[in-house]
PDB file of N, CA and C in Angstrom:
ATOM      1  N   MET A   1      56.446 -19.209  -1.391  1.00  0.00           N
ATOM      2  CA  MET A   1      55.699 -18.660  -0.021  1.00  0.00           C
ATOM      3  C   MET A   1      56.175 -19.643   1.119  1.00  0.00           C
ATOM      4  N   ILE A   2      56.748 -19.312   2.162  1.00  0.00           N
ATOM      5  CA  ILE A   2      57.218 -20.219   3.376  1.00  0.00           C
ATOM      6  C   ILE A   2      55.679 -20.439   4.345  1.00  0.00           C
ATOM      7  N   SER A   3      55.738 -21.363   5.189  1.00  0.00           N
ATOM      8  CA  SER A   3      54.793 -21.222   6.154  1.00  0.00           C
ATOM      9  C   SER A   3      55.154 -20.470   7.144  1.00  0.00           C
ATOM     10  N   ILE A   4      53.747 -20.336   8.266  1.00  0.00           N
ATOM     11  CA  ILE A   4      53.841 -19.295   9.264  1.00  0.00           C
ATOM     12  C   ILE A   4      54.877 -19.812  10.394  1.00  0.00           C
ATOM     13  N   ASP A   5      54.966 -20.858  10.242  1.00  0.00           N
ATOM     14  CA  ASP A   5      56.067 -21.604  11.288  1.00  0.00           C
ATOM     15  C   ASP A   5      57.738 -21.278  11.161  1.00  0.00           C
ATOM     16  N   GLU A   6      57.584 -21.139   9.467  1.00  0.00           N
ATOM     17  CA  GLU A   6      59.165 -21.225   9.297  1.00  0.00           C
ATOM     18  C   GLU A   6      59.394 -19.528   9.361  1.00  0.00           C
ATOM     19  N   ALA A   7      58.137 -18.598   9.086  1.00  0.00           N
ATOM     20  CA  ALA A   7      58.647 -17.210   9.251  1.00  0.00           C
ATOM     21  C   ALA A   7      58.541 -16.920  10.467  1.00  0.00           C
ATOM     22  N   LEU A   8      57.910 -17.744  11.444  1.00  0.00           N
ATOM     23  CA  LEU A   8      58.395 -17.450  12.956  1.00  0.00           C
ATOM     24  C   LEU A   8      59.849 -17.553  13.360  1.00  0.00           C
ATOM     25  N   ALA A   9      60.282 -19.190  12.763  1.00  0.00           N
ATOM     26  CA  ALA A   9      61.610 -19.276  12.920  1.00  0.00           C
ATOM     27  C   ALA A   9      62.257 -18.465  12.477  1.00  0.00           C
ATOM     28  N   LEU A  10      62.154 -17.646  11.418  1.00  0.00           N
ATOM     29  CA  LEU A  10      63.521 -16.638  10.776  1.00  0.00           C
ATOM     30  C   LEU A  10      63.231 -15.467  11.831  1.00  0.00           C
ATOM     31  N   VAL A  11      62.234 -15.293  12.115  1.00  0.00           N
ATOM     32  CA  VAL A  11      62.479 -13.827  13.063  1.00  0.00           C
ATOM     33  C   VAL A  11      62.983 -13.617  14.187  1.00  0.00           C
ATOM     34  N   LEU A  12      62.128 -15.348  15.046  1.00  0.00           N
ATOM     35  CA  LEU A  12      62.947 -15.889  16.540  1.00  0.00           C
ATOM     36  C   LEU A  12      64.491 -16.009  16.510  1.00  0.00           C
ATOM     37  N   ASP A  13      64.952 -16.468  15.299  1.00  0.00           N
ATOM     38  CA  ASP A  13      66.322 -16.787  15.194  1.00  0.00           C
ATOM     39  C   ASP A  13      66.947 -15.516  15.503  1.00  0.00           C
ATOM     40  N   GLY A  14      66.786 -14.125  14.901  1.00  0.00           N
ATOM     41  CA  GLY A  14      67.729 -13.225  14.946  1.00  0.00           C
ATOM     42  C   GLY A  14      67.485 -12.639  16.461  1.00  0.00           C
ATOM     43  N   LEU A  15      66.597 -12.935  17.164  1.00  0.00           N
ATOM     44  CA  LEU A  15      66.607 -12.247  18.582  1.00  0.00           C
ATOM     45  C   LEU A  15      67.275 -12.995  19.807  1.00  0.00           C
ATOM     46  N   ALA A  16      67.855 -12.051  20.655  1.00  0.00           N
ATOM     47  CA  ALA A  16      68.407 -12.461  21.729  1.00  0.00           C
ATOM     48  C   ALA A  16      68.095 -11.735  22.532  1.00  0.00           C
ATOM     49  N   PRO A  17      67.783 -11.826  24.170  1.00  0.00           N
ATOM     50  CA  PRO A  17      67.896 -11.184  25.338  1.00  0.00           C
ATOM     51  C   PRO A  17      68.892  -9.976  25.307  1.00  0.00           C
ATOM     52  N   LEU A  18      68.575  -8.710  25.672  1.00  0.00           N
ATOM     53  CA  LEU A  18      69.823  -8.039  25.852  1.00  0.00           C
ATOM     54  C   LEU A  18      70.518  -7.798  27.445  1.00  0.00           C
ATOM     55  N   GLU A  19      71.547  -7.883  27.363  1.00  0.00           N
ATOM     56  CA  GLU A  19      71.609  -7.835  28.764  1.00  0.00           C
ATOM     57  C   GLU A  19      71.654  -7.068  29.557  1.00  0.00           C
ATOM     58  N   PRO A  20      71.418  -7.059  31.067  1.00  0.00           N
ATOM     59  CA  PRO A  20      71.066  -6.401  31.884  1.00  0.00           C
ATOM     60  C   PRO A  20      71.825  -5.173  32.445  1.00  0.00           C
ATOM     61  N   GLU A  21      71.110  -3.520  32.064  1.00  0.00           N
ATOM     62  CA  GLU A  21      71.760  -2.432  32.647  1.00  0.00           C
ATOM     63  C   GLU A  21      70.947  -1.767  33.631  1.00  0.00           C
ATOM     64  N   THR A  22      71.680  -0.989  34.275  1.00  0.00           N
ATOM     65  CA  THR A  22      71.007   0.326  35.326  1.00  0.00           C
ATOM     66  C   THR A  22      70.871   1.484  34.569  1.00  0.00           C
ATOM     67  N   ALA A  23      69.740   1.931  34.394  1.00  0.00           N
ATOM     68  CA  ALA A  23      69.463   3.228  34.414  1.00  0.00           C
ATOM     69  C   ALA A  23      68.490   4.063  35.684  1.00  0.00           C
ATOM     70  N   ALA A  24      69.167   5.103  35.678  1.00  0.00           N
ATOM     71  CA  ALA A  24      68.299   6.261  36.227  1.00  0.00           C
ATOM     72  C   ALA A  24      67.110   6.434  35.797  1.00  0.00           C
ATOM     73  N   ILE A  25      66.154   6.754  37.225  1.00  0.00           N
ATOM     74  CA  ILE A  25      64.901   6.818  36.899  1.00  0.00           C
ATOM     75  C   ILE A  25      64.665   7.268  35.819  1.00  0.00           C
ATOM     76  N   ALA A  26      65.133   9.130  36.031  1.00  0.00           N
ATOM     77  CA  ALA A  26      64.703   9.891  35.004  1.00  0.00           C
ATOM     78  C   ALA A  26      64.853   9.153  33.631  1.00  0.00           C
ATOM     79  N   ASP A  27      65.643   8.361  33.311  1.00  0.00           N
ATOM     80  CA  ASP A  27      65.981   7.706  31.753  1.00  0.00           C
ATOM     81  C   ASP A  27      64.967   6.344  31.639  1.00  0.00           C
ATOM     82  N   ALA A  28      64.266   5.889  32.645  1.00  0.00           N
ATOM     83  CA  ALA A  28      63.882   4.827  32.624  1.00  0.00           C
ATOM     84  C   ALA A  28      62.449   4.769  31.786  1.00  0.00           C
ATOM     85  N   ALA A  29      62.072   5.809  31.633  1.00  0.00           N
ATOM     86  CA  ALA A  29      60.758   5.452  30.694  1.00  0.00           C
ATOM     87  C   ALA A  29      60.830   4.580  29.179  1.00  0.00           C
ATOM     88  N   GLY A  30      59.868   4.020  29.214  1.00  0.00           N
ATOM     89  CA  GLY A  30      59.829   2.650  28.012  1.00  0.00           C
ATOM     90  C   GLY A  30      60.407   1.592  28.112  1.00  0.00           C
ATOM     91  N   ARG A  31      61.337   1.469  29.500  1.00  0.00           N
ATOM     92  CA  ARG A  31      61.994   0.076  29.540  1.00  0.00           C
ATOM     93  C   ARG A  31      61.433  -0.866  30.521  1.00  0.00           C
ATOM     94  N   VAL A  32      61.559  -2.138  30.578  1.00  0.00           N
ATOM     95  CA  VAL A  32      60.855  -3.017  31.412  1.00  0.00           C
ATOM     96  C   VAL A  32      62.145  -3.559  32.603  1.00  0.00           C
ATOM     97  N   VAL A  33      61.524  -3.363  33.621  1.00  0.00           N
ATOM     98  CA  VAL A  33      62.264  -3.863  34.713  1.00  0.00           C
ATOM     99  C   VAL A  33      62.683  -5.402  34.475  1.00  0.00           C
ATOM    100  N   ALA A  34      63.826  -5.596  35.050  1.00  0.00           N
ATOM    101  CA  ALA A  34      64.197  -7.147  34.532  1.00  0.00           C
ATOM    102  C   ALA A  34      64.067  -7.818  36.142  1.00  0.00           C
ATOM    103  N   ALA A  35      63.697  -7.407  37.012  1.00  0.00           N
ATOM    104  CA  ALA A  35      63.373  -7.876  38.288  1.00  0.00           C
ATOM    105  C   ALA A  35      62.134  -7.478  39.227  1.00  0.00           C
ATOM    106  N   ASP A  36      61.736  -8.225  39.891  1.00  0.00           N
ATOM    107  CA  ASP A  36      60.586  -7.418  40.711  1.00  0.00           C
ATOM    108  C   ASP A  36      61.121  -5.998  41.452  1.00  0.00           C
ATOM    109  N   ALA A  37      60.122  -5.059  41.857  1.00  0.00           N
ATOM    110  CA  ALA A  37      60.325  -4.034  42.356  1.00  0.00           C
ATOM    111  C   ALA A  37      59.895  -4.140  43.828  1.00  0.00           C
ATOM    112  N   ALA A  38      60.592  -4.011  44.642  1.00  0.00           N
ATOM    113  CA  ALA A  38      60.059  -4.014  46.151  1.00  0.00           C
ATOM    114  C   ALA A  38      60.154  -2.731  46.952  1.00  0.00           C
ATOM    115  N   SER A  39      58.921  -2.154  47.744  1.00  0.00           N
ATOM    116  CA  SER A  39      58.998  -1.057  48.398  1.00  0.00           C
ATOM    117  C   SER A  39      59.500  -1.450  50.007  1.00  0.00           C
ATOM    118  N   ALA A  40      60.226  -0.241  50.464  1.00  0.00           N
ATOM    119  CA  ALA A  40      60.548  -0.430  52.143  1.00  0.00           C
ATOM    120  C   ALA A  40      59.232  -0.530  52.985  1.00  0.00           C
ATOM    121  N   VAL A  41      58.726   0.181  52.624  1.00  0.00           N
ATOM    122  CA  VAL A  41      57.346   0.343  53.423  1.00  0.00           C
ATOM    123  C   VAL A  41      56.010   0.340  52.189  1.00  0.00           C
ATOM    124  N   ASP A  42      55.309  -0.144  53.182  1.00  0.00           N
ATOM    125  CA  ASP A  42      53.643  -0.180  52.676  1.00  0.00           C
ATOM    126  C   ASP A  42      53.176   0.884  52.297  1.00  0.00           C
ATOM    127  N   LEU A  43      52.455   1.259  51.223  1.00  0.00           N
ATOM    128  CA  LEU A  43      51.779   2.253  51.060  1.00  0.00           C
ATOM    129  C   LEU A  43      50.484   2.139  50.156  1.00  0.00           C
ATOM    130  N   PRO A  44      49.515   2.699  50.789  1.00  0.00           N
ATOM    131  CA  PRO A  44      49.101   3.482  51.846  1.00  0.00           C
ATOM    132  C   PRO A  44      49.341   2.202  53.008  1.00  0.00           C
ATOM    133  N   PRO A  45      49.418   2.468  54.180  1.00  0.00           N
ATOM    134  CA  PRO A  45      49.746   1.562  55.141  1.00  0.00           C
ATOM    135  C   PRO A  45      48.667   1.038  56.113  1.00  0.00           C
ATOM    136  N   PHE A  46      47.642   0.947  55.279  1.00  0.00           N
ATOM    137  CA  PHE A  46      46.806  -0.631  55.768  1.00  0.00           C
ATOM    138  C   PHE A  46      45.943  -0.715  54.801  1.00  0.00           C
ATOM    139  N   ASP A  47      44.982  -1.472  54.974  1.00  0.00           N
ATOM    140  CA  ASP A  47      44.443  -2.458  53.998  1.00  0.00           C
ATOM    141  C   ASP A  47      43.529  -1.852  53.641  1.00  0.00           C
ATOM    142  N   ARG A  48      42.795  -1.320  52.581  1.00  0.00           N
ATOM    143  CA  ARG A  48      42.189  -0.759  51.695  1.00  0.00           C
ATOM    144  C   ARG A  48      41.152  -1.604  50.581  1.00  0.00           C
ATOM    145  N   SER A  49      40.011  -0.941  50.087  1.00  0.00           N
ATOM    146  CA  SER A  49      38.961  -1.083  49.315  1.00  0.00           C
ATOM    147  C   SER A  49      39.511  -1.150  48.028  1.00  0.00           C
ATOM    148  N   ALA A  50      39.369  -2.266  47.159  1.00  0.00           N
ATOM    149  CA  ALA A  50      39.547  -1.909  45.716  1.00  0.00           C
ATOM    150  C   ALA A  50      38.767  -1.582  44.907  1.00  0.00           C
ATOM    151  N   MET A  51      37.105  -1.505  45.474  1.00  0.00           N
ATOM    152  CA  MET A  51      36.108  -1.039  44.861  1.00  0.00           C
ATOM    153  C   MET A  51      35.302  -0.698  45.651  1.00  0.00           C
ATOM    154  N   ASP A  52      34.175  -0.065  45.074  1.00  0.00           N
ATOM    155  CA  ASP A  52      33.242   0.538  45.996  1.00  0.00           C
ATOM    156  C   ASP A  52      32.226  -0.975  46.452  1.00  0.00           C
ATOM    157  N   GLY A  53      31.498  -0.315  47.768  1.00  0.00           N
ATOM    158  CA  GLY A  53      30.781  -2.257  48.183  1.00  0.00           C
ATOM    159  C   GLY A  53      30.517  -1.887  49.385  1.00  0.00           C
ATOM    160  N   TYR A  54      30.722  -3.026  50.047  1.00  0.00           N
ATOM    161  CA  TYR A  54      30.408  -2.935  51.693  1.00  0.00           C
ATOM    162  C   TYR A  54      31.206  -3.653  52.343  1.00  0.00           C
ATOM    163  N   ALA A  55      32.195  -3.259  53.082  1.00  0.00           N
ATOM    164  CA  ALA A  55      33.025  -3.997  53.985  1.00  0.00           C
ATOM    165  C   ALA A  55      32.035  -4.892  54.635  1.00  0.00           C
ATOM    166  N   VAL A  56      32.879  -6.167  55.159  1.00  0.00           N
ATOM    167  CA  VAL A  56      32.000  -7.152  55.980  1.00  0.00           C
ATOM    168  C   VAL A  56      32.811  -8.275  56.299  1.00  0.00           C
ATOM    169  N   ARG A  57      32.627  -8.983  57.348  1.00  0.00           N
ATOM    170  CA  ARG A  57      32.943 -10.026  57.690  1.00  0.00           C
ATOM    171  C   ARG A  57      32.754 -11.146  56.674  1.00  0.00           C
ATOM    172  N   SER A  58      33.385 -11.783  56.326  1.00  0.00           N
ATOM    173  CA  SER A  58      33.324 -13.053  55.159  1.00  0.00           C
ATOM    174  C   SER A  58      32.343 -14.220  55.751  1.00  0.00           C
ATOM    175  N   ALA A  59      32.918 -14.504  57.268  1.00  0.00           N
ATOM    176  CA  ALA A  59      32.157 -15.499  57.915  1.00  0.00           C
ATOM    177  C   ALA A  59      30.296 -15.106  58.019  1.00  0.00           C
ATOM    178  N   ASP A  60      30.066 -13.639  57.802  1.00  0.00           N
ATOM    179  CA  ASP A  60      28.656 -13.361  58.049  1.00  0.00           C
ATOM    180  C   ASP A  60      27.741 -13.502  56.676  1.00  0.00           C
ATOM    181  N   THR A  61      28.641 -13.484  55.865  1.00  0.00           N
ATOM    182  CA  THR A  61      27.776 -13.369  54.369  1.00  0.00           C
ATOM    183  C   THR A  61      27.191 -14.798  54.185  1.00  0.00           C
ATOM    184  N   ALA A  62      25.994 -14.829  53.302  1.00  0.00           N
ATOM    185  CA  ALA A  62      25.380 -16.074  53.065  1.00  0.00           C
ATOM    186  C   ALA A  62      24.011 -15.389  51.807  1.00  0.00           C
ATOM    187  N   PRO A  63      23.664 -15.843  51.118  1.00  0.00           N
ATOM    188  CA  PRO A  63      22.865 -15.708  50.095  1.00  0.00           C
ATOM    189  C   PRO A  63      21.557 -15.328  50.609  1.00  0.00           C
ATOM    190  N   GLY A  64      21.059 -14.234  50.671  1.00  0.00           N
ATOM    191  CA  GLY A  64      19.936 -14.107  51.179  1.00  0.00           C
ATOM    192  C   GLY A  64      19.541 -13.233  52.609  1.00  0.00           C
ATOM    193  N   VAL A  65      20.867 -13.129  53.227  1.00  0.00           N
ATOM    194  CA  VAL A  65      21.059 -13.078  54.790  1.00  0.00           C
ATOM    195  C   VAL A  65      21.433 -11.715  54.520  1.00  0.00           C
ATOM    196  N   ALA A  66      20.458 -10.819  55.602  1.00  0.00           N
ATOM    197  CA  ALA A  66      20.864  -9.499  55.241  1.00  0.00           C
ATOM    198  C   ALA A  66      22.003  -9.088  56.706  1.00  0.00           C
ATOM    199  N   LEU A  67      22.509  -8.085  56.194  1.00  0.00           N
ATOM    200  CA  LEU A  67      23.571  -7.491  57.343  1.00  0.00           C
ATOM    201  C   LEU A  67      23.180  -6.104  57.500  1.00  0.00           C
ATOM    202  N   ARG A  68      23.168  -5.857  58.805  1.00  0.00           N
ATOM    203  CA  ARG A  68      22.613  -4.682  59.283  1.00  0.00           C
ATOM    204  C   ARG A  68      23.502  -3.342  59.015  1.00  0.00           C
ATOM    205  N   LEU A  69      23.698  -2.166  58.087  1.00  0.00           N
ATOM    206  CA  LEU A  69      24.773  -1.244  57.610  1.00  0.00           C
ATOM    207  C   LEU A  69      24.905  -0.509  58.914  1.00  0.00           C
ATOM    208  N   VAL A  70      26.010  -0.140  59.166  1.00  0.00           N
ATOM    209  CA  VAL A  70      26.467   0.536  60.554  1.00  0.00           C
ATOM    210  C   VAL A  70      27.379   1.827  60.170  1.00  0.00           C
ATOM    211  N   GLY A  71      27.486   2.283  59.061  1.00  0.00           N
ATOM    212  CA  GLY A  71      27.790   3.532  58.624  1.00  0.00           C
ATOM    213  C   GLY A  71      28.455   3.358  57.437  1.00  0.00           C
ATOM    214  N   GLY A  72      29.360   4.068  57.056  1.00  0.00           N
ATOM    215  CA  GLY A  72      30.279   4.500  56.055  1.00  0.00           C
ATOM    216  C   GLY A  72      31.501   4.619  55.907  1.00  0.00           C
ATOM    217  N   VAL A  73      32.565   4.432  55.017  1.00  0.00           N
ATOM    218  CA  VAL A  73      33.859   4.855  55.014  1.00  0.00           C
ATOM    219  C   VAL A  73      34.042   5.507  53.732  1.00  0.00           C
ATOM    220  N   ALA A  74      34.602   6.836  53.468  1.00  0.00           N
ATOM    221  CA  ALA A  74      34.873   7.135  51.846  1.00  0.00           C
ATOM    222  C   ALA A  74      36.354   7.193  51.992  1.00  0.00           C
ATOM    223  N   ALA A  75      36.940   6.983  50.572  1.00  0.00           N
ATOM    224  CA  ALA A  75      38.159   7.331  50.507  1.00  0.00           C
ATOM    225  C   ALA A  75      38.814   8.468  51.270  1.00  0.00           C
ATOM    226  N   GLY A  76      39.793   8.326  51.884  1.00  0.00           N
ATOM    227  CA  GLY A  76      40.589   9.182  52.267  1.00  0.00           C
ATOM    228  C   GLY A  76      40.438   8.769  54.112  1.00  0.00           C
ATOM    229  N   GLU A  77      39.337   8.141  54.247  1.00  0.00           N
ATOM    230  CA  GLU A  77      38.649   8.170  55.798  1.00  0.00           C
ATOM    231  C   GLU A  77      39.109   6.677  56.278  1.00  0.00           C
ATOM    232  N   VAL A  78      39.360   6.916  57.833  1.00  0.00           N
ATOM    233  CA  VAL A  78      39.840   5.530  58.337  1.00  0.00           C
ATOM    234  C   VAL A  78      38.205   5.250  59.563  1.00  0.00           C
ATOM    235  N   SER A  79      37.880   4.144  59.251  1.00  0.00           N
ATOM    236  CA  SER A  79      36.688   4.004  60.304  1.00  0.00           C
ATOM    237  C   SER A  79      37.270   3.747  61.804  1.00  0.00           C
ATOM    238  N   GLU A  80      36.610   4.312  63.049  1.00  0.00           N
ATOM    239  CA  GLU A  80      36.987   3.877  63.998  1.00  0.00           C
ATOM    240  C   GLU A  80      35.654   2.756  64.783  1.00  0.00           C
ATOM    241  N   VAL A  81      34.784   2.586  63.919  1.00  0.00           N
ATOM    242  CA  VAL A  81      33.978   1.815  64.280  1.00  0.00           C
ATOM    243  C   VAL A  81      33.745   0.226  64.092  1.00  0.00           C
ATOM    244  N   GLU A  82      34.250  -0.628  64.750  1.00  0.00           N
ATOM    245  CA  GLU A  82      34.537  -2.067  64.547  1.00  0.00           C
ATOM    246  C   GLU A  82      33.153  -2.638  63.872  1.00  0.00           C
ATOM    247  N   LEU A  83      33.422  -3.615  63.271  1.00  0.00           N
ATOM    248  CA  LEU A  83      32.300  -4.588  62.758  1.00  0.00           C
ATOM    249  C   LEU A  83      32.106  -5.397  63.288  1.00  0.00           C
ATOM    250  N   ALA A  84      30.842  -5.455  64.104  1.00  0.00           N
ATOM    251  CA  ALA A  84      30.506  -6.385  64.832  1.00  0.00           C
ATOM    252  C   ALA A  84      29.549  -7.689  63.996  1.00  0.00           C
ATOM    253  N   PRO A  85      29.391  -8.964  64.514  1.00  0.00           N
ATOM    254  CA  PRO A  85      29.054  -9.947  63.649  1.00  0.00           C
ATOM    255  C   PRO A  85      27.931  -9.245  62.977  1.00  0.00           C
ATOM    256  N   GLY A  86      27.505  -9.904  61.712  1.00  0.00           N
ATOM    257  CA  GLY A  86      26.185  -9.005  61.537  1.00  0.00           C
ATOM    258  C   GLY A  86      25.968  -7.729  60.819  1.00  0.00           C
ATOM    259  N   THR A  87      26.981  -7.446  60.830  1.00  0.00           N
ATOM    260  CA  THR A  87      26.978  -6.125  60.480  1.00  0.00           C
ATOM    261  C   THR A  87      27.373  -5.781  58.882  1.00  0.00           C
ATOM    262  N   ALA A  88      27.684  -4.830  58.548  1.00  0.00           N
ATOM    263  CA  ALA A  88      28.331  -3.939  57.149  1.00  0.00           C
ATOM    264  C   ALA A  88      28.580  -2.734  57.276  1.00  0.00           C
ATOM    265  N   ALA A  89      29.697  -2.107  56.610  1.00  0.00           N
ATOM    266  CA  ALA A  89      29.708  -0.603  56.263  1.00  0.00           C
ATOM    267  C   ALA A  89      29.842  -0.180  54.812  1.00  0.00           C
ATOM    268  N   ALA A  90      29.428   0.612  54.285  1.00  0.00           N
ATOM    269  CA  ALA A  90      29.359   1.112  52.963  1.00  0.00           C
ATOM    270  C   ALA A  90      30.762   1.764  53.090  1.00  0.00           C
ATOM    271  N   ILE A  91      31.651   1.402  51.872  1.00  0.00           N
ATOM    272  CA  ILE A  91      32.903   1.559  51.432  1.00  0.00           C
ATOM    273  C   ILE A  91      33.260   2.147  50.198  1.00  0.00           C
ATOM    274  N   SER A  92      34.140   3.224  50.024  1.00  0.00           N
ATOM    275  CA  SER A  92      34.360   3.542  48.501  1.00  0.00           C
ATOM    276  C   SER A  92      36.210   3.060  48.107  1.00  0.00           C
ATOM    277  N   THR A  93      36.106   3.255  46.942  1.00  0.00           N
ATOM    278  CA  THR A  93      37.226   2.660  46.431  1.00  0.00           C
ATOM    279  C   THR A  93      38.327   3.167  47.397  1.00  0.00           C
ATOM    280  N   GLY A  94      39.493   3.016  47.918  1.00  0.00           N
ATOM    281  CA  GLY A  94      40.578   3.311  48.384  1.00  0.00           C
ATOM    282  C   GLY A  94      40.255   3.698  49.840  1.00  0.00           C
ATOM    283  N   ALA A  95      39.413   3.524  50.376  1.00  0.00           N
ATOM    284  CA  ALA A  95      39.208   3.797  51.974  1.00  0.00           C
ATOM    285  C   ALA A  95      39.368   2.473  52.575  1.00  0.00           C
ATOM    286  N   ALA A  96      40.220   2.764  53.868  1.00  0.00           N
ATOM    287  CA  ALA A  96      40.810   1.806  54.748  1.00  0.00           C
ATOM    288  C   ALA A  96      39.400   0.774  55.338  1.00  0.00           C
ATOM    289  N   LEU A  97      39.798  -0.363  55.338  1.00  0.00           N
ATOM    290  CA  LEU A  97      38.886  -1.227  55.603  1.00  0.00           C
ATOM    291  C   LEU A  97      38.777  -1.107  57.361  1.00  0.00           C
ATOM    292  N   PRO A  98      37.514  -1.196  57.857  1.00  0.00           N
ATOM    293  CA  PRO A  98      37.104  -0.724  59.329  1.00  0.00           C
ATOM    294  C   PRO A  98      37.369  -2.096  59.963  1.00  0.00           C
ATOM    295  N   PRO A  99      38.111  -1.645  60.937  1.00  0.00           N
ATOM    296  CA  PRO A  99      38.444  -3.247  62.136  1.00  0.00           C
ATOM    297  C   PRO A  99      37.111  -3.966  62.022  1.00  0.00           C
ATOM    298  N   GLY A 100      37.670  -5.515  61.653  1.00  0.00           N
ATOM    299  CA  GLY A 100      36.686  -6.536  61.824  1.00  0.00           C
ATOM    300  C   GLY A 100      36.384  -6.844  60.445  1.00  0.00           C
ATOM    301  N   ALA A 101      36.619  -6.294  59.431  1.00  0.00           N
ATOM    302  CA  ALA A 101      36.439  -6.375  58.228  1.00  0.00           C
ATOM    303  C   ALA A 101      37.301  -7.045  57.663  1.00  0.00           C
ATOM    304  N   ASP A 102      36.877  -7.992  56.552  1.00  0.00           N
ATOM    305  CA  ASP A 102      37.805  -8.767  56.201  1.00  0.00           C
ATOM    306  C   ASP A 102      37.584  -9.234  54.591  1.00  0.00           C
ATOM    307  N   ALA A 103      36.575  -8.237  54.406  1.00  0.00           N
ATOM    308  CA  ALA A 103      36.589  -8.618  53.042  1.00  0.00           C
ATOM    309  C   ALA A 103      35.292  -7.417  52.392  1.00  0.00           C
ATOM    310  N   ILE A 104      35.483  -7.110  51.142  1.00  0.00           N
ATOM    311  CA  ILE A 104      34.464  -6.374  50.410  1.00  0.00           C
ATOM    312  C   ILE A 104      33.355  -7.014  49.454  1.00  0.00           C
ATOM    313  N   LEU A 105      32.257  -7.072  50.035  1.00  0.00           N
ATOM    314  CA  LEU A 105      31.207  -7.321  48.949  1.00  0.00           C
ATOM    315  C   LEU A 105      30.678  -6.022  48.203  1.00  0.00           C
ATOM    316  N   HIS A 106      31.091  -6.620  46.718  1.00  0.00           N
ATOM    317  CA  HIS A 106      30.983  -5.775  45.741  1.00  0.00           C
ATOM    318  C   HIS A 106      29.318  -4.961  45.396  1.00  0.00           C
ATOM    319  N   ALA A 107      29.590  -3.863  45.096  1.00  0.00           N
ATOM    320  CA  ALA A 107      28.112  -3.131  45.197  1.00  0.00           C
ATOM    321  C   ALA A 107      26.883  -4.046  44.318  1.00  0.00           C
ATOM    322  N   GLU A 108      27.506  -4.256  43.107  1.00  0.00           N
ATOM    323  CA  GLU A 108      26.719  -5.107  42.258  1.00  0.00           C
ATOM    324  C   GLU A 108      26.253  -6.522  42.390  1.00  0.00           C
ATOM    325  N   LEU A 109      26.897  -7.247  43.558  1.00  0.00           N
ATOM    326  CA  LEU A 109      26.420  -8.273  44.139  1.00  0.00           C
ATOM    327  C   LEU A 109      25.764  -8.594  45.474  1.00  0.00           C
ATOM    328  N   ALA A 110      24.996  -7.146  46.004  1.00  0.00           N
ATOM    329  CA  ALA A 110      24.273  -6.952  46.777  1.00  0.00           C
ATOM    330  C   ALA A 110      23.025  -6.170  46.831  1.00  0.00           C
ATOM    331  N   GLU A 111      22.117  -6.503  47.233  1.00  0.00           N
ATOM    332  CA  GLU A 111      20.761  -5.904  47.391  1.00  0.00           C
ATOM    333  C   GLU A 111      20.790  -4.540  48.878  1.00  0.00           C
ATOM    334  N   LEU A 112      20.411  -3.659  48.568  1.00  0.00           N
ATOM    335  CA  LEU A 112      20.616  -2.740  49.396  1.00  0.00           C
ATOM    336  C   LEU A 112      19.121  -2.465  49.789  1.00  0.00           C
ATOM    337  N   GLY A 113      19.141  -2.751  51.347  1.00  0.00           N
ATOM    338  CA  GLY A 113      17.294  -2.808  51.881  1.00  0.00           C
ATOM    339  C   GLY A 113      17.458  -0.979  52.948  1.00  0.00           C
ATOM    340  N   ASP A 114      16.684  -1.377  53.467  1.00  0.00           N
ATOM    341  CA  ASP A 114      16.096  -0.304  54.378  1.00  0.00           C
ATOM    342  C   ASP A 114      17.224  -0.833  55.663  1.00  0.00           C
ATOM    343  N   GLY A 115      18.335   0.422  55.621  1.00  0.00           N
ATOM    344  CA  GLY A 115      19.074  -0.017  56.526  1.00  0.00           C
ATOM    345  C   GLY A 115      20.210  -1.594  56.509  1.00  0.00           C
ATOM    346  N   THR A 116      19.573  -2.041  55.518  1.00  0.00           N
ATOM    347  CA  THR A 116      20.070  -3.542  55.265  1.00  0.00           C
ATOM    348  C   THR A 116      21.245  -3.374  54.187  1.00  0.00           C
ATOM    349  N   VAL A 117      21.550  -4.619  54.226  1.00  0.00           N
ATOM    350  CA  VAL A 117      22.495  -5.024  52.854  1.00  0.00           C
ATOM    351  C   VAL A 117      22.665  -6.192  52.513  1.00  0.00           C
ATOM    352  N   THR A 118      22.124  -6.992  51.492  1.00  0.00           N
ATOM    353  CA  THR A 118      21.753  -8.411  51.581  1.00  0.00           C
ATOM    354  C   THR A 118      22.746  -8.648  50.278  1.00  0.00           C
ATOM    355  N   PRO A 119      23.758  -9.766  50.709  1.00  0.00           N
ATOM    356  CA  PRO A 119      24.588 -10.354  49.826  1.00  0.00           C
ATOM    357  C   PRO A 119      23.556 -11.359  48.712  1.00  0.00           C
ATOM    358  N   GLU A 120      24.378 -11.679  47.248  1.00  0.00           N
ATOM    359  CA  GLU A 120      23.760 -12.625  46.607  1.00  0.00           C
ATOM    360  C   GLU A 120      24.488 -14.114  46.883  1.00  0.00           C
ATOM    361  N   ARG A 121      25.432 -13.695  47.183  1.00  0.00           N
ATOM    362  CA  ARG A 121      26.141 -15.072  47.517  1.00  0.00           C
ATOM    363  C   ARG A 121      27.529 -14.840  48.554  1.00  0.00           C
ATOM    364  N   ALA A 122      27.574 -15.837  49.031  1.00  0.00           N
ATOM    365  CA  ALA A 122      28.787 -15.913  50.299  1.00  0.00           C
ATOM    366  C   ALA A 122      30.246 -15.521  49.731  1.00  0.00           C
ATOM    367  N   ILE A 123      30.778 -14.841  50.383  1.00  0.00           N
ATOM    368  CA  ILE A 123      32.041 -14.536  49.996  1.00  0.00           C
ATOM    369  C   ILE A 123      32.981 -15.184  50.823  1.00  0.00           C
TER     370      ILE A 123
END
């Protein structure tokens, strides 16, 4: 019987990286790209929310300090309402951040009140 280190050395000694090659997109399934792929354009072309929650100005967030809700933004919508200091807007995953917002308060880290949302901690 051989040790794990010896067995690993036997396996790894027989391996070598493959030479890079080019493949058409239609033939690329199951392959791993050898370098970062970059797009010439940003898609979507706006900052968007990666989760459900509340669009906020991070400077306004503090534990227990209520922010006034001024509407909401659903996925696919673009808000025309700019967030003023002390306000927040409900936001869905994929929705465009309203002007003035620079962070998303996770729905799970907020307490919804009567027309307000209160963060559990600062963002």
